Protein backbone atom coordinates (compact mmCIF):
# COMPACT_ATOMS: atom_id res chain seq x y z
CA MET A 1 -20.37 3.81 -7.97
CA GLU A 2 -19.55 0.17 -6.69
CA ASN A 3 -17.04 -2.30 -8.81
CA THR A 4 -16.15 -5.85 -8.11
CA ILE A 5 -13.70 -7.80 -9.51
CA THR A 6 -11.91 -11.48 -9.07
CA GLN A 7 -8.93 -12.12 -8.45
CA SER A 8 -8.52 -14.32 -11.81
CA GLN A 9 -9.52 -11.23 -14.04
CA LYS A 10 -7.45 -11.07 -17.01
CA LYS A 11 -6.48 -8.32 -19.57
CA LEU A 12 -8.89 -8.70 -22.84
CA PHE A 13 -7.51 -6.67 -25.01
CA GLN A 14 -4.06 -5.10 -26.08
CA ASN A 15 -3.91 -1.59 -27.23
CA THR A 16 -3.57 -0.48 -30.88
CA GLU A 17 -1.73 2.46 -32.37
CA PRO A 18 -3.15 5.31 -31.15
CA GLN A 19 -5.45 7.33 -33.39
CA ASN A 20 -4.79 11.20 -32.74
CA THR A 21 -7.88 13.76 -33.51
CA GLN A 22 -7.66 17.65 -33.53
CA ALA A 23 -9.41 19.63 -30.76
CA GLU A 24 -8.82 23.19 -30.00
CA SER A 25 -8.95 24.99 -26.70
CA GLN A 26 -7.88 28.21 -25.38
CA ASN A 27 -5.77 26.93 -22.45
CA GLU A 28 -4.12 23.53 -23.97
CA LYS A 29 -0.43 23.73 -25.73
CA THR A 30 -0.24 20.19 -26.80
CA PRO A 31 -3.76 18.06 -27.37
CA ASP A 32 -3.69 14.15 -27.56
CA THR A 33 -6.20 11.69 -28.04
CA GLN A 34 -5.95 7.89 -28.30
CA VAL A 35 -8.71 5.59 -29.01
CA LEU A 36 -8.32 1.85 -28.39
CA ASN A 37 -10.16 -0.74 -29.76
CA PRO A 38 -11.15 -4.03 -27.12
CA ASP A 39 -13.20 -7.13 -27.93
CA LEU A 40 -16.53 -5.38 -26.76
CA SER A 41 -18.62 -9.09 -27.12
CA ALA A 42 -15.96 -9.92 -24.83
CA LEU A 43 -16.36 -6.91 -22.32
CA GLU A 44 -20.17 -6.99 -22.44
CA SER A 45 -20.30 -10.49 -21.51
CA ALA A 46 -17.55 -10.50 -18.81
CA GLY A 47 -19.64 -7.04 -17.42
CA TYR A 48 -17.03 -4.22 -17.93
CA GLU A 49 -17.64 -0.71 -17.79
CA ARG A 50 -16.18 1.01 -21.09
CA ALA A 51 -13.73 3.96 -19.56
CA LEU A 52 -12.76 7.13 -20.87
CA LEU A 53 -9.23 7.88 -19.30
CA VAL A 54 -8.78 11.75 -18.85
CA GLY A 55 -4.97 13.06 -18.15
CA LEU A 56 -3.54 16.68 -17.52
CA ASN A 57 0.03 17.55 -17.11
CA CYS A 58 0.97 20.41 -15.30
CA GLY A 59 4.40 20.90 -15.61
CA THR A 60 5.63 17.38 -14.67
CA THR A 61 7.72 15.43 -17.91
CA GLN A 62 6.30 13.32 -20.20
CA GLU A 63 7.67 10.55 -19.11
CA GLU A 64 6.48 10.72 -15.68
CA PHE A 65 3.12 11.99 -16.91
CA SER A 66 2.77 8.93 -19.55
CA ARG A 67 3.65 6.26 -16.84
CA SER A 68 1.05 8.07 -14.66
CA MET A 69 -1.42 7.75 -17.18
CA GLU A 70 -0.68 3.88 -17.54
CA GLU A 71 -1.09 3.19 -14.24
CA LEU A 72 -4.29 4.69 -14.13
CA LYS A 73 -5.05 2.78 -17.11
CA SER A 74 -4.04 -0.42 -14.99
CA LEU A 75 -6.40 0.87 -11.58
CA ALA A 76 -9.37 1.47 -13.77
CA GLU A 77 -8.82 -2.57 -15.74
CA ALA A 78 -8.59 -3.76 -11.87
CA CYS A 79 -12.06 -1.78 -11.18
CA LEU A 80 -13.64 -4.10 -13.48
CA MET A 81 -13.52 -1.26 -16.45
CA GLU A 82 -11.98 -1.30 -19.75
CA PRO A 83 -10.76 1.47 -21.17
CA VAL A 84 -11.57 2.52 -24.44
CA GLY A 85 -9.72 5.60 -25.06
CA VAL A 86 -7.68 8.49 -23.81
CA ILE A 87 -7.33 12.20 -23.67
CA THR A 88 -5.14 14.44 -22.09
CA GLN A 89 -3.96 17.80 -22.36
CA ASN A 90 -0.98 19.85 -21.34
CA ALA A 91 -1.27 23.08 -19.40
CA ASP A 92 0.28 25.73 -17.09
CA LYS A 93 -2.28 25.22 -14.60
CA VAL A 94 -5.51 23.42 -13.53
CA HIS A 95 -9.08 24.86 -14.48
CA LYS A 96 -10.36 26.00 -11.13
CA ALA A 97 -13.86 25.10 -12.71
CA LEU A 98 -13.35 22.15 -14.72
CA TYR A 99 -9.86 20.71 -13.97
CA ILE A 100 -9.37 21.05 -17.96
CA GLY A 101 -10.02 23.61 -20.74
CA THR A 102 -13.13 24.43 -21.84
CA GLY A 103 -12.77 23.12 -25.07
CA LYS A 104 -10.87 20.15 -23.66
CA VAL A 105 -14.34 19.84 -21.93
CA GLN A 106 -16.17 19.28 -25.00
CA GLU A 107 -13.60 17.02 -26.63
CA VAL A 108 -14.05 14.84 -23.60
CA ARG A 109 -17.83 14.82 -24.24
CA GLU A 110 -17.59 14.08 -27.60
CA ALA A 111 -15.38 11.15 -27.41
CA ALA A 112 -17.16 9.65 -24.54
CA ARG A 113 -20.19 10.04 -26.69
CA MET A 114 -18.42 8.41 -30.03
CA GLN A 115 -16.45 5.82 -28.25
CA GLU A 116 -19.75 4.51 -26.17
CA ALA A 117 -18.20 5.40 -22.79
CA ASP A 118 -20.06 4.65 -19.83
CA VAL A 119 -17.30 6.72 -17.39
CA VAL A 120 -14.68 9.09 -17.59
CA VAL A 121 -11.95 9.18 -15.32
CA PHE A 122 -9.26 11.58 -14.33
CA ASP A 123 -6.04 11.00 -13.64
CA ASN A 124 -6.24 13.42 -10.29
CA ALA A 125 -8.07 14.03 -7.15
CA LEU A 126 -10.87 16.04 -8.35
CA THR A 127 -12.49 18.77 -5.94
CA PRO A 128 -15.90 18.42 -5.27
CA SER A 129 -16.88 21.75 -7.81
CA GLN A 130 -15.35 19.96 -10.56
CA LEU A 131 -16.72 16.65 -10.13
CA ALA A 132 -20.34 18.59 -9.71
CA ASN A 133 -19.09 21.12 -13.19
CA LEU A 134 -17.84 17.87 -15.07
CA GLN A 135 -20.77 15.79 -14.55
CA LYS A 136 -23.37 18.40 -16.28
CA GLU A 137 -20.75 19.13 -18.86
CA VAL A 138 -19.80 15.76 -20.23
CA GLU A 139 -23.14 14.53 -19.28
CA LYS A 140 -21.70 10.61 -17.61
CA PRO A 141 -20.61 9.32 -14.58
CA VAL A 142 -17.25 11.05 -14.03
CA LEU A 143 -14.85 9.13 -11.70
CA ASP A 144 -11.21 10.20 -10.53
CA ARG A 145 -8.27 8.02 -9.76
CA THR A 146 -8.84 8.22 -5.61
CA THR A 147 -11.92 7.02 -6.58
CA LEU A 148 -10.28 4.16 -8.46
CA ILE A 149 -8.15 3.30 -5.49
CA LEU A 150 -10.68 3.51 -2.88
CA ASP A 151 -13.05 1.08 -5.16
CA ILE A 152 -10.24 -1.36 -5.44
CA PHE A 153 -9.05 -1.29 -1.56
CA ALA A 154 -13.08 -2.04 -0.95
CA THR A 155 -13.10 -5.14 -3.35
CA ARG A 156 -9.18 -6.41 -1.39
CA ALA A 157 -9.87 -5.58 1.43
CA ARG A 158 -10.63 -9.18 4.15
CA THR A 159 -10.61 -8.55 7.47
CA ARG A 160 -12.95 -6.55 9.65
CA GLU A 161 -9.82 -4.16 10.50
CA ALA A 162 -9.23 -3.12 6.70
CA LYS A 163 -12.96 -3.27 5.69
CA LEU A 164 -12.96 -0.63 8.65
CA GLN A 165 -10.29 1.66 7.42
CA VAL A 166 -11.39 2.23 3.93
CA GLU A 167 -14.98 2.12 4.60
CA SER A 168 -13.79 5.38 6.96
CA ALA A 169 -11.75 7.10 3.98
CA ARG A 170 -14.46 5.89 1.21
CA LEU A 171 -16.78 8.03 3.17
CA LYS A 172 -15.10 10.91 4.42
CA TYR A 173 -13.93 11.17 0.88
CA LEU A 174 -17.45 10.74 -0.37
CA LEU A 175 -19.06 13.50 2.08
CA PRO A 176 -18.00 16.51 0.58
CA ARG A 177 -18.50 15.39 -3.08
CA LEU A 178 -22.39 14.51 -2.48
CA VAL A 179 -23.41 17.63 -4.44
CA GLY A 180 -21.89 15.82 -7.80
CA MET A 181 -23.09 12.86 -7.07
CA HIS A 182 -26.81 13.78 -7.04
CA GLU A 183 -28.03 15.24 -11.03
CA ALA A 184 -30.42 17.93 -9.82
CA LEU A 185 -31.81 19.31 -7.17
CA THR A 186 -35.73 20.52 -6.73
CA ARG A 187 -36.85 23.54 -4.78
CA GLN A 188 -40.06 24.11 -2.85
CA GLY A 189 -41.00 27.32 -1.50
CA GLY A 190 -43.55 29.21 0.51
CA THR A 191 -42.65 27.72 3.49
CA SER A 192 -40.58 27.52 6.84
CA GLY A 193 -38.29 25.49 8.61
CA SER A 194 -34.94 24.47 8.52
CA MET A 195 -35.65 21.54 6.05
CA SER A 196 -39.89 22.31 4.74
CA SER A 197 -38.23 25.30 2.03
CA ARG A 198 -35.68 22.17 0.46
CA GLY A 199 -36.72 20.14 -2.70
CA ALA A 200 -36.81 16.70 -2.75
CA GLY A 201 -33.24 16.48 -3.91
CA GLU A 202 -32.09 18.96 -1.11
CA LYS A 203 -33.82 17.02 1.44
CA LYS A 204 -32.09 13.12 0.15
CA LEU A 205 -28.70 15.11 -0.03
CA GLU A 206 -29.54 16.49 3.74
CA LEU A 207 -30.44 13.16 4.81
CA ASP A 208 -27.40 11.43 3.11
CA ARG A 209 -24.79 13.97 4.55
CA ARG A 210 -25.98 12.77 8.62
CA ARG A 211 -26.27 9.17 8.05
CA ILE A 212 -22.34 9.16 6.29
CA GLU A 213 -21.74 11.89 8.98
CA LYS A 214 -22.82 8.98 11.89
CA ARG A 215 -21.16 6.30 10.11
CA ILE A 216 -18.09 7.89 10.12
CA SER A 217 -18.48 8.61 13.92
CA GLU A 218 -19.33 4.94 14.63
CA LEU A 219 -15.99 3.98 12.63
CA ASN A 220 -13.64 6.09 14.48
CA ARG A 221 -15.03 4.76 17.67
CA ASP A 222 -14.56 0.84 16.15
CA LEU A 223 -10.98 2.23 14.81
CA LYS A 224 -9.90 3.03 18.16
CA GLU A 225 -10.65 0.17 19.85
CA VAL A 226 -8.59 -1.50 16.56
CA SER A 227 -6.06 0.76 17.67
CA ARG A 228 -6.29 -0.83 21.25
CA GLU A 229 -6.13 -4.34 19.74
CA ARG A 230 -3.25 -3.41 18.05
CA GLN A 231 -1.53 -1.64 20.73
CA VAL A 232 -1.86 -5.02 23.37
CA GLN A 233 -0.58 -6.77 20.10
CA ARG A 234 2.68 -4.90 20.26
CA LYS A 235 3.17 -4.43 23.97
CA LYS A 236 3.52 -8.58 24.01
CA ARG A 237 5.19 -8.86 21.53
CA GLN A 238 7.55 -6.28 22.80
CA GLU A 239 7.77 -7.82 25.78
CA ALA A 240 8.87 -10.97 23.84
CA ARG A 241 11.72 -8.79 22.74
CA ILE A 242 11.83 -10.43 19.48
CA PRO A 243 12.88 -7.68 16.91
CA LEU A 244 9.80 -6.72 13.90
CA VAL A 245 11.38 -6.58 10.45
CA ALA A 246 8.38 -4.26 8.41
CA LEU A 247 8.09 -5.05 4.29
CA VAL A 248 7.30 -1.68 2.96
CA GLY A 249 7.31 -0.41 -0.59
CA TYR A 250 5.52 0.05 -3.96
CA THR A 251 2.31 -2.16 -4.99
CA ASN A 252 3.30 -5.33 -7.16
CA ALA A 253 7.01 -5.12 -5.85
CA GLY A 254 7.23 -8.76 -3.97
CA LYS A 255 6.43 -7.96 -0.37
CA SER A 256 3.98 -11.01 0.09
CA THR A 257 5.98 -12.97 -1.89
CA ILE A 258 8.59 -12.62 -0.23
CA LEU A 259 6.72 -13.25 3.02
CA ASN A 260 5.51 -16.39 1.94
CA ALA A 261 8.88 -17.32 0.72
CA MET A 262 10.60 -16.81 4.18
CA VAL A 263 7.09 -18.72 5.46
CA ASP A 264 8.27 -21.96 2.98
CA ARG A 265 11.50 -21.37 4.40
CA TYR A 266 11.65 -21.78 7.59
CA VAL A 267 8.17 -21.79 9.16
CA GLN A 268 6.66 -24.27 6.58
CA ASP A 269 2.77 -24.06 7.61
CA ALA A 270 1.06 -23.03 4.32
CA GLU A 271 -1.84 -22.04 6.41
CA LYS A 272 0.84 -18.75 7.60
CA LYS A 273 0.94 -17.62 3.72
CA VAL A 274 -1.19 -14.40 2.80
CA LEU A 275 -2.72 -14.15 -0.59
CA GLU A 276 0.48 -13.72 -3.67
CA LYS A 277 -0.56 -12.26 -7.16
CA ASP A 278 0.40 -10.03 -9.59
CA MET A 279 -2.17 -7.30 -9.41
CA LEU A 280 -1.83 -4.13 -7.48
CA PHE A 281 -2.71 -4.58 -3.96
CA ALA A 282 -3.35 -7.88 -3.65
CA THR A 283 -2.66 -7.38 -0.02
CA LEU A 284 -4.15 -4.78 2.14
CA ASP A 285 -4.68 -6.71 5.52
CA THR A 286 -1.40 -6.42 7.33
CA THR A 287 -0.02 -9.81 8.33
CA VAL A 288 3.09 -10.36 11.00
CA ARG A 289 4.58 -13.63 10.86
CA LYS A 290 7.31 -15.15 13.43
CA ILE A 291 10.20 -16.54 11.34
CA CYS A 292 12.56 -18.60 13.10
CA THR A 293 16.18 -19.34 11.96
CA GLY A 294 17.59 -21.06 15.03
CA ASN A 295 19.25 -20.63 17.76
CA ASN A 296 17.35 -18.09 19.41
CA GLN A 297 17.70 -15.88 16.26
CA ASP A 298 14.22 -15.35 15.11
CA PHE A 299 11.95 -12.15 14.13
CA LEU A 300 8.56 -10.68 13.42
CA LEU A 301 7.70 -10.10 9.60
CA SER A 302 5.50 -7.46 8.47
CA ASP A 303 4.08 -7.57 5.19
CA THR A 304 1.74 -4.13 5.17
CA VAL A 305 0.14 -2.52 2.50
CA GLY A 306 1.29 -1.38 -0.72
CA PHE A 307 1.88 2.20 -2.15
CA ILE A 308 1.59 4.03 -5.40
CA HIS A 309 1.84 7.30 -6.93
CA LYS A 310 -0.97 9.72 -5.45
CA LEU A 311 -2.10 7.20 -2.43
CA PRO A 312 -5.10 9.37 -1.03
CA HIS A 313 -3.93 10.91 1.80
CA GLY A 314 -7.09 9.68 3.37
CA LEU A 315 -6.11 6.18 2.84
CA VAL A 316 -2.78 6.36 4.66
CA LYS A 317 -4.56 8.14 7.65
CA ALA A 318 -7.17 5.53 7.43
CA PHE A 319 -4.78 2.62 7.57
CA HIS A 320 -2.64 4.46 10.27
CA ALA A 321 -3.56 1.85 13.11
CA THR A 322 -2.15 -0.90 10.26
CA LEU A 323 0.74 1.24 9.61
CA GLU A 324 1.68 1.44 12.88
CA GLU A 325 3.49 -1.57 12.48
CA VAL A 326 5.81 0.22 10.48
CA GLU A 327 6.68 3.20 13.14
CA ASN A 328 7.43 0.48 15.56
CA ALA A 329 9.62 -1.48 13.16
CA ASP A 330 13.07 -2.25 14.36
CA LEU A 331 14.65 -2.46 10.29
CA LEU A 332 12.51 -1.71 7.55
CA LEU A 333 12.93 -3.60 3.92
CA GLN A 334 11.93 -1.44 1.59
CA VAL A 335 11.28 -4.15 -1.45
CA VAL A 336 12.17 -2.90 -4.97
CA ASP A 337 11.17 -4.19 -8.46
CA ALA A 338 14.64 -4.08 -9.45
CA SER A 339 13.04 -4.98 -13.24
CA ASP A 340 10.69 -1.96 -13.39
CA PRO A 341 11.83 0.46 -15.77
CA ASP A 342 10.19 3.16 -12.95
CA HIS A 343 11.33 1.80 -10.26
CA LYS A 344 13.88 4.65 -8.93
CA GLU A 345 10.27 6.68 -9.27
CA GLN A 346 8.34 4.42 -7.26
CA MET A 347 11.27 4.68 -4.61
CA GLN A 348 10.77 8.33 -4.16
CA THR A 349 6.66 7.67 -3.90
CA THR A 350 7.56 5.14 -0.89
CA GLN A 351 10.13 7.62 0.45
CA GLU A 352 7.20 10.43 0.25
CA ILE A 353 4.83 8.02 1.79
CA LEU A 354 6.96 6.83 4.52
CA ALA A 355 8.07 10.61 5.08
CA GLN A 356 4.23 10.96 6.70
CA LEU A 357 4.98 8.30 9.35
CA LYS A 358 7.25 8.28 12.25
CA THR A 359 10.03 6.42 10.25
CA ALA A 360 13.07 8.95 9.82
CA ASP A 361 14.88 7.14 13.00
CA ILE A 362 14.51 3.58 11.73
CA PRO A 363 17.22 1.96 9.74
CA MET A 364 16.11 0.39 6.27
CA ILE A 365 17.51 -2.03 3.75
CA THR A 366 16.44 -1.92 -0.22
CA VAL A 367 15.87 -4.98 -1.53
CA PHE A 368 15.56 -5.53 -5.05
CA ASN A 369 13.43 -8.30 -5.81
CA LYS A 370 12.99 -9.71 -9.21
CA ALA A 371 16.57 -9.22 -10.41
CA ASP A 372 16.07 -12.40 -12.44
CA ARG A 373 14.25 -10.31 -14.73
CA CYS A 374 16.87 -7.67 -15.62
CA GLY A 375 18.61 -9.86 -18.24
CA GLY A 376 21.16 -11.15 -16.79
CA GLU A 377 22.84 -7.28 -15.85
CA VAL A 378 22.30 -7.78 -12.05
CA GLU A 379 24.43 -10.92 -10.38
CA TYR A 380 22.31 -12.14 -7.41
CA PRO A 381 21.92 -12.71 -4.36
CA ALA A 382 24.00 -10.39 -3.98
CA VAL A 383 24.88 -7.66 -1.04
CA VAL A 384 25.96 -4.18 -2.13
CA GLY A 385 27.40 -1.80 0.46
CA GLU A 386 25.20 -1.82 4.21
CA ASP A 387 21.81 -1.39 2.72
CA LYS A 388 21.29 -2.94 -0.46
CA ILE A 389 20.63 -6.33 -1.91
CA TYR A 390 19.59 -8.04 -4.89
CA ILE A 391 17.09 -11.19 -4.68
CA CYS A 392 14.62 -13.12 -6.49
CA ALA A 393 12.71 -13.84 -4.23
CA LYS A 394 11.58 -17.34 -5.82
CA GLU A 395 14.60 -18.67 -4.88
CA THR A 396 15.91 -20.38 -1.85
CA ALA A 397 19.39 -19.09 -1.63
CA SER A 398 18.05 -15.53 -2.21
CA ILE A 399 15.80 -15.52 0.76
CA GLU A 400 18.55 -17.13 2.91
CA ARG A 401 20.72 -14.10 1.94
CA LEU A 402 18.14 -12.20 2.76
CA VAL A 403 17.91 -13.32 6.53
CA GLN A 404 21.54 -13.49 6.84
CA VAL A 405 21.54 -10.04 5.79
CA ILE A 406 18.10 -9.23 8.66
CA LEU A 407 19.88 -11.41 11.21
CA GLU A 408 23.13 -9.05 11.23
CA ARG A 409 20.75 -6.18 11.39
CA VAL A 410 18.54 -6.63 14.22
CA TYR A 411 21.12 -8.63 16.53
CA ALA A 412 24.13 -6.04 15.74
CA ASP A 413 23.73 -4.88 19.65
CA ARG A 414 24.45 -8.73 20.66
CA VAL A 415 27.86 -8.66 23.11
CA GLN A 416 29.34 -12.16 23.99
CA ALA A 417 29.90 -12.96 27.33
CA GLU A 418 30.32 -15.86 29.51
CA PHE A 419 28.29 -16.69 32.77
CA LEU A 420 28.62 -19.40 35.53
CA ILE A 421 25.20 -19.37 36.98
CA PRO A 422 24.58 -21.68 40.35
CA TYR A 423 22.44 -24.29 39.98
CA THR A 424 20.19 -23.17 42.28
CA HIS A 425 19.33 -20.12 39.78
CA GLY A 426 17.39 -22.27 37.24
CA ASP A 427 15.74 -19.36 35.76
CA VAL A 428 18.33 -17.43 34.81
CA LEU A 429 19.97 -20.21 32.94
CA SER A 430 16.13 -20.84 31.17
CA TYR A 431 15.92 -17.06 30.61
CA PHE A 432 19.69 -17.15 28.33
CA MET A 433 18.11 -20.62 26.83
CA GLU A 434 15.73 -18.78 25.60
CA GLN A 435 16.78 -15.09 24.91
CA ALA A 436 20.29 -15.59 23.68
CA GLN A 437 22.31 -17.07 21.14
CA VAL A 438 23.76 -20.32 23.27
CA ALA A 439 27.40 -21.01 22.17
CA ASP A 440 28.73 -23.22 24.05
CA GLN A 441 27.15 -25.61 27.76
CA ALA A 442 29.16 -26.87 30.40
CA PHE A 443 27.81 -28.64 33.95
CA GLU A 444 30.36 -27.77 36.14
CA GLU A 445 31.26 -28.51 40.18
CA ASN A 446 29.74 -24.66 41.11
CA GLY A 447 27.05 -24.27 38.03
CA THR A 448 26.07 -24.15 34.86
CA ARG A 449 28.90 -22.05 32.48
CA ILE A 450 27.51 -20.99 29.01
CA LYS A 451 28.70 -18.57 26.55
CA VAL A 452 26.21 -16.70 25.08
CA ARG A 453 25.77 -13.82 22.20
CA CYS A 454 22.80 -11.46 23.99
CA LEU A 455 22.03 -8.57 25.20
CA LYS A 456 23.75 -5.71 26.64
CA ALA A 457 21.52 -5.20 28.97
CA ASP A 458 20.75 -8.98 30.02
CA ARG A 459 24.94 -8.80 30.28
CA ASP A 460 24.73 -5.99 32.53
CA LYS A 461 21.61 -7.17 34.60
CA TYR A 462 23.03 -10.41 35.00
CA GLN A 463 26.51 -9.44 36.01
CA ASN A 464 26.89 -11.04 38.99
CA PHE A 465 26.77 -14.62 37.45
CA LEU A 466 29.53 -13.72 34.75
CA ALA A 467 32.78 -15.59 34.52
CA ALA A 468 35.23 -13.15 36.12
CA ASP A 469 37.80 -15.27 34.18
CA ARG A 470 35.84 -14.75 30.66
CA ILE A 471 34.27 -11.24 30.58
CA ARG A 472 34.38 -9.85 27.22
């Protein structure tokens, strides 16, 4: 199901008090149904789909489950849907055929009819068989959390690379679920051949499958080319020996805000800024900007796709070429919304996703953003220990303090040295002027004397030019 959304879309209603209805199921422990009351005329004019949300809690805390359902509501709204009801169930295990209990399925079907829902959305990934069975039982289109996230990614993708990655993830997720997408398959008999004995529905299913498999192969080739292009770009950056700092973290934590604030302060080029919105997955395309702080203390800042609870593994794989920027970073900045009461759980989600990447040996600083929204309980900008900092990305003082922390970390391997470079070796002098932090420079009879902070490797490489009386 295709959905579109504009960036200026706003919420059209607020939830009213939930109304409980009773429904019994053999497998359920604590059933719960909520009815939401949106402005129907506003929804119809805006083109919203009416969505019934369904969640199953198997072993998680009620707080965590409620948080997941709230996030599902936000995902549905981002897909141009308006939740009209919420049905939840606590159970010991997932029903293999229907995901939820048989009695609860009947409740979902009745609630979808009563609330005039256009679609039923489940708060977890459904197996192909569960999807097919549920669509037959509830007699409505059925989507799951993964489908919503993929739809949002498809809407937000802007560059060719992001579009290829999203399309690949969507098709790979769709392929095993094609049967559930076809409501009926008719059969024909009496003839032989691989296709002749199949009904019209089965023939269409087989054609769709072949078409998707062909497209996936094409996308894989294109993505390999994208990966090669990124490797070339990355090699050039590595040759320039400029540290790479990668922003990572939960969606809507303020990564793009930090990047834009640094561009405003140090680059001063509005065209280098990225989309900055208070919305889920506002930015999908990895952006790398050179932050010039002066005195040859530059670094590259990479803004990557945001993470979310239950982020589909297929998306992580599809975005691997993009996330390689994280794997090759010299420093990670985990951006956290300090004002969000669930920020600890969001940090855990980020760590779980980073664990799928090769980031274990990369140093990381946790940036607690939006400290100004913590009701005065947190002082900022403030560095806590060696790997935490509290900031407000909207304020220049916070950005300058964050940059100072970054420089201290990425240039920590620099050493002080003093060189006396003969005038006949102007190329060596030019190298240090471009690559090192020059503290002092003097022109003497035998050459140019410079005091610098440089890489230890550079000091060792040019040790013949070290001023013997000032080696450190």
